Amino acid sequence: MLKINDIQINKIKLEARNLLVKLEDNKVHPELYTFFKKRLKTYKFYINREYALKSEMEYEESSQRLSIVINIIIPEYLIPKDPEKATETIMDPIDVFQKFYEVETLIYKRNHQKISIF
């Protein structure tokens, strides 16, 4: 299960906010890691195209631990003045990433299940 280890939000001058999110999943098979590494490149299509995105992944095969760092830069003019709506705007790419990860994991599992005739 994917869990958030850390979230950092920093203002970059007056133009943007940098959202750095560290996530981790345990018990990830090497094949799932390879599958997700390829699919991670498509995540940028699920968020606002005005956001800048960088991501990094590390995998420890012995512990089957997957670490993911996503760095999203959100232009300041896209962040509402209302604090509650601003929080929603900032949290949205994180929520989308978690759903993206869950769906990709389900796709992998569905495509790699052993099918039995009996």
Protein backbone atom coordinates (compact mmCIF):
# COMPACT_ATOMS: atom_id res chain seq x y z
CA MET A 1 0.00 0.00 0.00
CA LEU A 2 1.29 3.40 -0.96
CA LYS A 3 1.81 5.79 1.93
CA ILE A 4 2.94 9.37 2.12
CA ASN A 5 6.13 9.82 4.12
CA ASP A 6 6.61 13.56 3.69
CA ILE A 7 5.09 16.62 2.03
CA GLN A 8 6.92 19.90 1.67
CA ILE A 9 5.46 23.05 0.15
CA ASN A 10 7.78 25.93 -0.60
CA LYS A 11 7.12 29.20 -2.32
CA ILE A 12 9.44 29.92 -5.25
CA LYS A 13 9.75 33.70 -5.25
CA LEU A 14 6.34 35.10 -6.22
CA GLU A 15 5.76 32.91 -9.26
CA ALA A 16 5.07 29.40 -8.00
CA ARG A 17 4.92 26.85 -5.22
CA ASN A 18 7.06 23.77 -5.15
CA LEU A 19 5.27 20.66 -3.90
CA LEU A 20 7.65 17.86 -2.93
CA VAL A 21 6.02 14.55 -1.97
CA LYS A 22 7.81 11.44 -0.76
CA LEU A 23 5.90 8.18 -0.97
CA GLU A 24 6.67 4.56 -0.22
CA ASP A 25 5.23 1.13 -0.86
CA ASN A 26 6.39 -2.15 0.64
CA LYS A 27 6.13 -5.62 -0.82
CA VAL A 28 6.48 -4.50 -4.44
CA HIS A 29 7.56 -7.29 -6.77
CA PRO A 30 10.41 -6.45 -9.18
CA GLU A 31 8.07 -6.93 -12.14
CA LEU A 32 5.57 -4.44 -10.71
CA TYR A 33 8.39 -1.96 -10.16
CA THR A 34 9.48 -2.31 -13.80
CA PHE A 35 5.88 -1.96 -15.00
CA PHE A 36 5.23 1.11 -12.85
CA LYS A 37 8.51 2.75 -13.80
CA LYS A 38 7.37 2.73 -17.43
CA ARG A 39 3.86 3.92 -16.54
CA LEU A 40 5.05 6.76 -14.30
CA LYS A 41 5.92 8.74 -17.41
CA THR A 42 2.20 8.99 -18.22
CA TYR A 43 1.26 10.57 -14.87
CA LYS A 44 1.91 14.07 -16.25
CA PHE A 45 -1.16 13.61 -18.48
CA TYR A 46 -3.40 13.36 -15.41
CA ILE A 47 -2.48 16.70 -13.86
CA ASN A 48 -2.82 20.29 -15.02
CA ARG A 49 -0.51 20.76 -18.00
CA GLU A 50 0.68 24.09 -16.58
CA TYR A 51 2.33 22.23 -13.69
CA ALA A 52 5.98 21.25 -14.00
CA LEU A 53 6.64 17.68 -12.89
CA LYS A 54 9.74 15.70 -12.00
CA SER A 55 9.75 12.27 -10.44
CA GLU A 56 12.30 9.83 -9.09
CA MET A 57 12.00 6.22 -8.05
CA GLU A 58 14.24 3.96 -6.03
CA TYR A 59 13.71 0.28 -5.54
CA GLU A 60 15.32 -2.01 -3.00
CA GLU A 61 14.87 -5.51 -4.32
CA SER A 62 15.92 -7.25 -1.09
CA SER A 63 13.20 -5.53 0.96
CA GLN A 64 10.85 -5.02 -2.02
CA ARG A 65 10.51 -1.38 -1.01
CA LEU A 66 9.63 1.23 -3.60
CA SER A 67 10.33 4.89 -2.86
CA ILE A 68 8.86 7.59 -5.06
CA VAL A 69 9.54 11.31 -4.98
CA ILE A 70 7.35 13.61 -7.02
CA ASN A 71 8.17 17.26 -7.36
CA ILE A 72 5.41 19.45 -8.77
CA ILE A 73 5.71 23.16 -9.41
CA ILE A 74 2.35 24.94 -9.41
CA PRO A 75 2.20 28.47 -10.84
CA GLU A 76 1.02 30.89 -8.18
CA TYR A 77 -1.77 32.32 -10.35
CA LEU A 78 -3.45 28.87 -10.33
CA ILE A 79 -3.67 28.81 -6.53
CA PRO A 80 -6.85 30.42 -5.18
CA LYS A 81 -6.66 33.12 -2.51
CA ASP A 82 -9.13 31.24 -0.31
CA PRO A 83 -7.00 29.06 2.03
CA GLU A 84 -9.38 26.09 1.87
CA LYS A 85 -9.50 26.11 -1.93
CA ALA A 86 -5.73 26.65 -2.08
CA THR A 87 -5.23 23.53 0.03
CA GLU A 88 -7.51 21.57 -2.31
CA THR A 89 -5.53 22.80 -5.33
CA ILE A 90 -2.23 21.80 -3.75
CA MET A 91 -3.50 18.41 -2.54
CA ASP A 92 -5.20 17.49 -5.82
CA PRO A 93 -2.05 16.25 -7.64
CA ILE A 94 -1.21 14.10 -4.61
CA ASP A 95 -4.67 12.54 -4.58
CA VAL A 96 -4.50 12.00 -8.32
CA PHE A 97 -1.10 10.32 -7.97
CA GLN A 98 -2.37 7.95 -5.29
CA LYS A 99 -5.33 6.96 -7.48
CA PHE A 100 -3.02 6.65 -10.49
CA TYR A 101 -0.75 4.31 -8.51
CA GLU A 102 -3.67 2.19 -7.31
CA VAL A 103 -5.13 1.86 -10.80
CA GLU A 104 -1.77 1.01 -12.38
CA THR A 105 -1.17 -1.61 -9.69
CA LEU A 106 -4.60 -3.14 -10.37
CA ILE A 107 -3.92 -3.15 -14.12
CA TYR A 108 -0.62 -4.93 -13.52
CA LYS A 109 -2.20 -7.52 -11.22
CA ARG A 110 -5.09 -8.15 -13.59
CA ASN A 111 -2.77 -8.62 -16.56
CA HIS A 112 -0.40 -10.92 -14.68
CA GLN A 113 -2.79 -13.16 -12.79
CA LYS A 114 -2.41 -16.84 -13.45
CA ILE A 115 -5.49 -18.09 -15.20
CA SER A 116 -6.58 -21.57 -14.28
CA ILE A 117 -8.80 -23.72 -16.50
CA PHE A 118 -9.96 -25.88 -13.59
